Amino acid sequence: MATRDGEYLSNQQIRRRAPTFQWAGLLLNDDGQWRLLAHYRHKCVHVFGTFGGAAVIFEGTNEDASLVTPTHFVTLKDATQADLVFTVDGMKEVHENPLYVRPRVAGGDGTTDVTVLLVCRDGGVK
């Protein structure tokens, strides 16, 4: 199990109006680094790769992850109030807007290798 840092991906067409964050190379029981993204009210998460029996859970917390390791995080929901848990490739809107978000891989096997892309935008961008 390792914590994988997320990286900002530049998009020349939309620049900072809708930034994309990527957590790549998520393996068996890995999690992603917490990212402070509450200033973007709208988020769309895209999960793909080789799952190998794993579930990728998209989580959030209002604990300040820059000061402490969050211990009271929750599974975020989509627009239909279903948990954001992926066992196959998928894309969903994130309903809540906590201070910090991250992906977490639960289970899997030696073939598990998943990428999570998160596109964010504020309320003014359509």
N, C-alpha and C. Protein backbone atom coordinates (compact mmCIF):
# COMPACT_ATOMS: atom_id res chain seq x y z
N MET A 1 0.84 -1.18 0.00
CA MET A 1 0.00 0.00 0.00
C MET A 1 0.88 1.25 0.00
N ALA A 2 0.55 2.16 -0.88
CA ALA A 2 1.30 3.42 -0.98
C ALA A 2 0.33 4.56 -1.21
N THR A 3 0.78 5.76 -0.87
CA THR A 3 0.00 6.96 -1.17
C THR A 3 0.61 7.58 -2.42
N ARG A 4 -0.21 7.72 -3.46
CA ARG A 4 0.24 8.27 -4.74
C ARG A 4 -0.14 9.74 -4.83
N ASP A 5 0.83 10.56 -5.18
CA ASP A 5 0.58 11.99 -5.31
C ASP A 5 -0.22 12.26 -6.58
N GLY A 6 -1.17 13.15 -6.49
CA GLY A 6 -1.91 13.56 -7.67
C GLY A 6 -1.17 14.68 -8.38
N GLU A 7 -1.31 14.75 -9.69
CA GLU A 7 -0.65 15.81 -10.43
C GLU A 7 -1.65 16.61 -11.25
N TYR A 8 -1.35 17.88 -11.43
CA TYR A 8 -2.16 18.77 -12.24
C TYR A 8 -1.77 18.56 -13.69
N LEU A 9 -2.78 18.34 -14.56
CA LEU A 9 -2.54 18.20 -15.99
C LEU A 9 -2.99 19.48 -16.68
N SER A 10 -2.12 20.07 -17.45
CA SER A 10 -2.44 21.31 -18.16
C SER A 10 -3.24 21.00 -19.42
N ASN A 11 -4.27 21.78 -19.67
CA ASN A 11 -5.06 21.67 -20.89
C ASN A 11 -5.04 23.03 -21.56
N GLN A 12 -4.42 23.13 -22.72
CA GLN A 12 -4.23 24.42 -23.38
C GLN A 12 -5.54 25.07 -23.82
N GLN A 13 -6.58 24.30 -24.04
CA GLN A 13 -7.83 24.87 -24.50
C GLN A 13 -8.63 25.52 -23.38
N ILE A 14 -8.62 24.92 -22.20
CA ILE A 14 -9.45 25.46 -21.11
C ILE A 14 -8.62 25.99 -19.95
N ARG A 15 -7.33 25.76 -19.98
CA ARG A 15 -6.40 26.25 -18.98
C ARG A 15 -6.90 26.04 -17.56
N ARG A 16 -6.87 27.05 -16.73
CA ARG A 16 -7.24 26.88 -15.31
C ARG A 16 -8.74 26.97 -15.06
N ARG A 17 -9.53 27.20 -16.09
CA ARG A 17 -10.98 27.29 -15.89
C ARG A 17 -11.58 25.94 -15.53
N ALA A 18 -10.94 24.87 -15.94
CA ALA A 18 -11.43 23.52 -15.62
C ALA A 18 -10.21 22.60 -15.49
N PRO A 19 -9.45 22.72 -14.41
CA PRO A 19 -8.23 21.91 -14.27
C PRO A 19 -8.55 20.43 -14.10
N THR A 20 -7.60 19.62 -14.55
CA THR A 20 -7.69 18.17 -14.40
C THR A 20 -6.58 17.72 -13.46
N PHE A 21 -6.95 16.88 -12.50
CA PHE A 21 -5.98 16.27 -11.59
C PHE A 21 -5.96 14.78 -11.86
N GLN A 22 -4.77 14.19 -11.81
CA GLN A 22 -4.62 12.78 -12.11
C GLN A 22 -3.87 12.07 -11.00
N TRP A 23 -4.41 10.94 -10.59
CA TRP A 23 -3.71 10.00 -9.72
C TRP A 23 -3.49 8.76 -10.59
N ALA A 24 -2.26 8.50 -10.99
CA ALA A 24 -1.96 7.39 -11.89
C ALA A 24 -1.21 6.30 -11.14
N GLY A 25 -1.27 5.09 -11.68
CA GLY A 25 -0.53 3.98 -11.11
C GLY A 25 -1.02 3.55 -9.74
N LEU A 26 -2.33 3.66 -9.51
CA LEU A 26 -2.89 3.19 -8.24
C LEU A 26 -2.94 1.67 -8.27
N LEU A 27 -2.27 1.04 -7.33
CA LEU A 27 -2.15 -0.41 -7.27
C LEU A 27 -2.94 -0.96 -6.09
N LEU A 28 -2.81 -2.23 -5.85
CA LEU A 28 -3.45 -2.95 -4.76
C LEU A 28 -3.41 -2.16 -3.46
N ASN A 29 -4.58 -1.76 -2.94
CA ASN A 29 -4.74 -1.07 -1.65
C ASN A 29 -4.03 0.29 -1.54
N ASP A 30 -3.69 0.92 -2.66
CA ASP A 30 -3.12 2.27 -2.63
C ASP A 30 -4.20 3.30 -2.36
N ASP A 31 -3.76 4.50 -1.98
CA ASP A 31 -4.68 5.64 -1.94
C ASP A 31 -3.99 6.83 -2.60
N GLY A 32 -4.78 7.83 -2.91
CA GLY A 32 -4.24 9.04 -3.52
C GLY A 32 -3.99 10.09 -2.46
N GLN A 33 -3.04 10.97 -2.73
CA GLN A 33 -2.78 12.12 -1.85
C GLN A 33 -4.03 12.98 -1.78
N TRP A 34 -4.37 13.47 -0.61
CA TRP A 34 -5.50 14.38 -0.45
C TRP A 34 -5.23 15.65 -1.23
N ARG A 35 -6.23 16.15 -1.96
CA ARG A 35 -6.10 17.39 -2.73
C ARG A 35 -7.15 18.39 -2.27
N LEU A 36 -6.71 19.61 -1.96
CA LEU A 36 -7.59 20.70 -1.56
C LEU A 36 -8.24 21.27 -2.82
N LEU A 37 -9.55 21.00 -3.02
CA LEU A 37 -10.23 21.42 -4.25
C LEU A 37 -11.62 21.97 -3.98
N ALA A 38 -11.88 22.41 -2.76
CA ALA A 38 -13.21 22.92 -2.41
C ALA A 38 -13.56 24.18 -3.19
N HIS A 39 -12.58 24.90 -3.68
CA HIS A 39 -12.85 26.13 -4.43
C HIS A 39 -13.42 25.84 -5.82
N TYR A 40 -13.44 24.57 -6.23
CA TYR A 40 -14.12 24.16 -7.47
C TYR A 40 -15.40 23.44 -7.08
N ARG A 41 -16.53 24.06 -7.35
CA ARG A 41 -17.82 23.51 -6.89
C ARG A 41 -18.28 22.30 -7.68
N HIS A 42 -17.81 22.17 -8.91
CA HIS A 42 -18.27 21.07 -9.77
C HIS A 42 -17.09 20.17 -10.10
N LYS A 43 -17.31 18.85 -9.94
CA LYS A 43 -16.25 17.89 -10.19
C LYS A 43 -16.81 16.67 -10.92
N CYS A 44 -16.01 16.14 -11.83
CA CYS A 44 -16.36 14.92 -12.56
C CYS A 44 -15.18 13.97 -12.44
N VAL A 45 -15.43 12.77 -11.92
CA VAL A 45 -14.37 11.79 -11.70
C VAL A 45 -14.47 10.69 -12.77
N HIS A 46 -13.32 10.34 -13.35
CA HIS A 46 -13.22 9.32 -14.38
C HIS A 46 -12.20 8.29 -13.90
N VAL A 47 -12.61 7.04 -13.82
CA VAL A 47 -11.76 5.96 -13.32
C VAL A 47 -11.62 4.91 -14.42
N PHE A 48 -10.36 4.49 -14.67
CA PHE A 48 -10.16 3.48 -15.72
C PHE A 48 -8.85 2.73 -15.46
N GLY A 49 -8.74 1.57 -16.07
CA GLY A 49 -7.53 0.78 -15.95
C GLY A 49 -7.85 -0.68 -15.73
N THR A 50 -6.91 -1.38 -15.12
CA THR A 50 -7.07 -2.79 -14.79
C THR A 50 -7.43 -2.88 -13.32
N PHE A 51 -8.63 -3.35 -13.03
CA PHE A 51 -9.11 -3.37 -11.66
C PHE A 51 -8.66 -4.61 -10.88
N GLY A 52 -8.55 -5.75 -11.53
CA GLY A 52 -8.08 -6.95 -10.84
C GLY A 52 -8.87 -7.27 -9.59
N GLY A 53 -10.19 -7.02 -9.63
CA GLY A 53 -11.05 -7.29 -8.47
C GLY A 53 -11.12 -6.15 -7.47
N ALA A 54 -10.43 -5.06 -7.72
CA ALA A 54 -10.42 -3.92 -6.79
C ALA A 54 -11.66 -3.06 -6.94
N ALA A 55 -11.94 -2.30 -5.91
CA ALA A 55 -12.94 -1.24 -5.94
C ALA A 55 -12.20 0.07 -5.70
N VAL A 56 -12.48 1.07 -6.54
CA VAL A 56 -11.90 2.40 -6.35
C VAL A 56 -12.96 3.28 -5.73
N ILE A 57 -12.67 3.81 -4.55
CA ILE A 57 -13.62 4.59 -3.77
C ILE A 57 -13.15 6.05 -3.81
N PHE A 58 -14.06 6.97 -4.12
CA PHE A 58 -13.71 8.38 -4.13
C PHE A 58 -14.20 8.98 -2.82
N GLU A 59 -13.26 9.54 -2.04
CA GLU A 59 -13.55 9.97 -0.67
C GLU A 59 -13.35 11.47 -0.48
N GLY A 60 -13.96 11.99 0.58
CA GLY A 60 -13.79 13.39 0.93
C GLY A 60 -13.75 13.59 2.42
N THR A 61 -13.21 14.74 2.82
CA THR A 61 -13.17 15.11 4.23
C THR A 61 -13.14 16.63 4.35
N ASN A 62 -13.65 17.12 5.47
CA ASN A 62 -13.52 18.54 5.81
C ASN A 62 -12.44 18.76 6.87
N GLU A 63 -11.75 17.69 7.26
CA GLU A 63 -10.59 17.83 8.14
C GLU A 63 -9.46 18.47 7.33
N ASP A 64 -8.64 19.27 7.95
CA ASP A 64 -7.56 19.95 7.25
C ASP A 64 -6.41 18.97 7.04
N ALA A 65 -6.34 18.39 5.85
CA ALA A 65 -5.32 17.38 5.55
C ALA A 65 -3.92 17.96 5.46
N SER A 66 -3.81 19.30 5.45
CA SER A 66 -2.47 19.90 5.48
C SER A 66 -1.89 19.91 6.89
N LEU A 67 -2.76 19.72 7.89
CA LEU A 67 -2.32 19.74 9.29
C LEU A 67 -2.30 18.37 9.95
N VAL A 68 -3.27 17.53 9.59
CA VAL A 68 -3.40 16.20 10.19
C VAL A 68 -3.75 15.18 9.11
N THR A 69 -3.51 13.92 9.41
CA THR A 69 -3.98 12.86 8.52
C THR A 69 -5.45 12.63 8.83
N PRO A 70 -6.34 12.87 7.85
CA PRO A 70 -7.77 12.72 8.12
C PRO A 70 -8.13 11.31 8.58
N THR A 71 -8.99 11.24 9.58
CA THR A 71 -9.46 9.95 10.09
C THR A 71 -10.97 9.82 9.96
N HIS A 72 -11.66 10.89 9.59
CA HIS A 72 -13.13 10.86 9.51
C HIS A 72 -13.58 11.19 8.09
N PHE A 73 -12.96 10.55 7.10
CA PHE A 73 -13.35 10.75 5.71
C PHE A 73 -14.57 9.89 5.38
N VAL A 74 -15.26 10.26 4.31
CA VAL A 74 -16.47 9.54 3.91
C VAL A 74 -16.41 9.25 2.42
N THR A 75 -17.18 8.25 2.01
CA THR A 75 -17.35 7.96 0.59
C THR A 75 -18.28 9.01 0.01
N LEU A 76 -17.83 9.69 -1.03
CA LEU A 76 -18.66 10.71 -1.66
C LEU A 76 -19.75 10.07 -2.51
N LYS A 77 -20.72 10.87 -2.89
CA LYS A 77 -21.90 10.40 -3.63
C LYS A 77 -21.94 11.04 -5.02
N ASP A 78 -22.67 10.39 -5.93
CA ASP A 78 -22.92 10.99 -7.24
C ASP A 78 -24.24 11.75 -7.19
N ALA A 79 -24.68 12.26 -8.32
CA ALA A 79 -25.90 13.08 -8.37
C ALA A 79 -27.15 12.30 -7.99
N THR A 80 -27.11 10.96 -8.06
CA THR A 80 -28.28 10.15 -7.69
C THR A 80 -28.18 9.64 -6.25
N GLN A 81 -27.18 10.13 -5.51
CA GLN A 81 -26.91 9.74 -4.12
C GLN A 81 -26.33 8.34 -3.98
N ALA A 82 -25.82 7.78 -5.07
CA ALA A 82 -25.12 6.49 -5.01
C ALA A 82 -23.66 6.74 -4.64
N ASP A 83 -23.08 5.81 -3.88
CA ASP A 83 -21.66 5.93 -3.51
C ASP A 83 -20.78 5.97 -4.75
N LEU A 84 -19.73 6.78 -4.71
CA LEU A 84 -18.76 6.82 -5.80
C LEU A 84 -17.75 5.71 -5.60
N VAL A 85 -18.15 4.51 -6.02
CA VAL A 85 -17.33 3.31 -5.94
C VAL A 85 -17.33 2.69 -7.33
N PHE A 86 -16.13 2.45 -7.87
CA PHE A 86 -15.99 1.92 -9.22
C PHE A 86 -15.32 0.55 -9.16
N THR A 87 -15.92 -0.44 -9.83
CA THR A 87 -15.30 -1.75 -9.98
C THR A 87 -14.98 -2.04 -11.44
N VAL A 88 -15.41 -1.13 -12.32
CA VAL A 88 -15.09 -1.15 -13.75
C VAL A 88 -14.89 0.30 -14.18
N ASP A 89 -14.39 0.50 -15.40
CA ASP A 89 -14.21 1.84 -15.93
C ASP A 89 -15.52 2.62 -15.81
N GLY A 90 -15.42 3.90 -15.42
CA GLY A 90 -16.63 4.70 -15.29
C GLY A 90 -16.32 6.17 -15.09
N MET A 91 -17.39 6.98 -15.20
CA MET A 91 -17.29 8.43 -15.01
C MET A 91 -18.57 8.91 -14.37
N LYS A 92 -18.43 9.74 -13.33
CA LYS A 92 -19.60 10.25 -12.62
C LYS A 92 -19.33 11.66 -12.09
N GLU A 93 -20.41 12.38 -11.91
CA GLU A 93 -20.36 13.69 -11.27
C GLU A 93 -20.25 13.49 -9.76
N VAL A 94 -19.48 14.35 -9.10
CA VAL A 94 -19.34 14.31 -7.64
C VAL A 94 -20.36 15.28 -7.05
N HIS A 95 -21.23 14.77 -6.18
CA HIS A 95 -22.32 15.60 -5.63
C HIS A 95 -21.84 16.56 -4.54
N GLU A 96 -21.08 16.07 -3.57
CA GLU A 96 -20.63 16.91 -2.45
C GLU A 96 -19.41 17.74 -2.85
N ASN A 97 -19.10 18.71 -2.00
CA ASN A 97 -17.93 19.55 -2.23
C ASN A 97 -17.14 19.74 -0.94
N PRO A 98 -16.47 18.67 -0.47
CA PRO A 98 -15.68 18.79 0.76
C PRO A 98 -14.38 19.55 0.51
N LEU A 99 -13.69 19.91 1.58
CA LEU A 99 -12.41 20.59 1.44
C LEU A 99 -11.39 19.75 0.66
N TYR A 100 -11.27 18.48 1.01
CA TYR A 100 -10.25 17.61 0.42
C TYR A 100 -10.90 16.37 -0.19
N VAL A 101 -10.31 15.88 -1.29
CA VAL A 101 -10.78 14.65 -1.94
C VAL A 101 -9.57 13.77 -2.28
N ARG A 102 -9.86 12.48 -2.44
CA ARG A 102 -8.84 11.53 -2.89
C ARG A 102 -9.51 10.24 -3.36
N PRO A 103 -8.82 9.46 -4.19
CA PRO A 103 -9.27 8.11 -4.49
C PRO A 103 -8.58 7.11 -3.56
N ARG A 104 -9.23 5.98 -3.35
CA ARG A 104 -8.62 4.89 -2.55
C ARG A 104 -8.97 3.58 -3.20
N VAL A 105 -7.98 2.71 -3.35
CA VAL A 105 -8.19 1.38 -3.92
C VAL A 105 -8.38 0.39 -2.78
N ALA A 106 -9.50 -0.33 -2.82
CA ALA A 106 -9.77 -1.37 -1.81
C ALA A 106 -9.63 -2.72 -2.49
N GLY A 107 -8.68 -3.50 -2.00
CA GLY A 107 -8.49 -4.83 -2.54
C GLY A 107 -7.78 -4.81 -3.88
N GLY A 108 -8.03 -5.86 -4.65
CA GLY A 108 -7.37 -6.03 -5.93
C GLY A 108 -6.38 -7.17 -5.88
N ASP A 109 -5.56 -7.24 -6.92
CA ASP A 109 -4.54 -8.28 -6.98
C ASP A 109 -3.30 -7.70 -7.65
N GLY A 110 -2.39 -8.57 -8.06
CA GLY A 110 -1.14 -8.12 -8.65
C GLY A 110 -1.29 -7.42 -9.99
N THR A 111 -2.47 -7.53 -10.61
CA THR A 111 -2.68 -6.86 -11.90
C THR A 111 -3.32 -5.48 -11.75
N THR A 112 -3.76 -5.13 -10.56
CA THR A 112 -4.45 -3.85 -10.34
C THR A 112 -3.54 -2.68 -10.70
N ASP A 113 -4.04 -1.81 -11.58
CA ASP A 113 -3.30 -0.61 -12.01
C ASP A 113 -4.34 0.36 -12.58
N VAL A 114 -4.74 1.32 -11.77
CA VAL A 114 -5.88 2.18 -12.10
C VAL A 114 -5.43 3.64 -12.14
N THR A 115 -6.08 4.41 -13.00
CA THR A 115 -5.87 5.85 -13.09
C THR A 115 -7.18 6.55 -12.76
N VAL A 116 -7.10 7.64 -12.00
CA VAL A 116 -8.27 8.46 -11.67
C VAL A 116 -8.00 9.87 -12.18
N LEU A 117 -8.91 10.37 -13.01
CA LEU A 117 -8.86 11.75 -13.48
C LEU A 117 -10.02 12.51 -12.86
N LEU A 118 -9.75 13.70 -12.37
CA LEU A 118 -10.78 14.54 -11.78
C LEU A 118 -10.76 15.89 -12.47
N VAL A 119 -11.85 16.22 -13.18
CA VAL A 119 -11.98 17.52 -13.82
C VAL A 119 -12.82 18.40 -12.90
N CYS A 120 -12.31 19.59 -12.63
CA CYS A 120 -12.97 20.51 -11.71
C CYS A 120 -13.33 21.80 -12.45
N ARG A 121 -14.38 22.46 -11.97
CA ARG A 121 -14.68 23.78 -12.49
C ARG A 121 -15.47 24.54 -11.44
N ASP A 122 -15.36 25.86 -11.50
CA ASP A 122 -16.14 26.67 -10.56
C ASP A 122 -17.52 26.88 -11.14
N GLY A 123 -18.36 27.57 -10.44
CA GLY A 123 -19.75 27.75 -10.87
C GLY A 123 -19.91 28.63 -12.09
N GLY A 124 -18.89 29.40 -12.47
CA GLY A 124 -19.02 30.32 -13.58
C GLY A 124 -18.71 29.73 -14.94
N VAL A 125 -18.16 28.52 -15.00
CA VAL A 125 -17.76 27.91 -16.26
C VAL A 125 -18.81 26.91 -16.70
N LYS A 126 -19.28 27.02 -17.92
CA LYS A 126 -20.29 26.08 -18.43
C LYS A 126 -19.70 25.26 -19.55
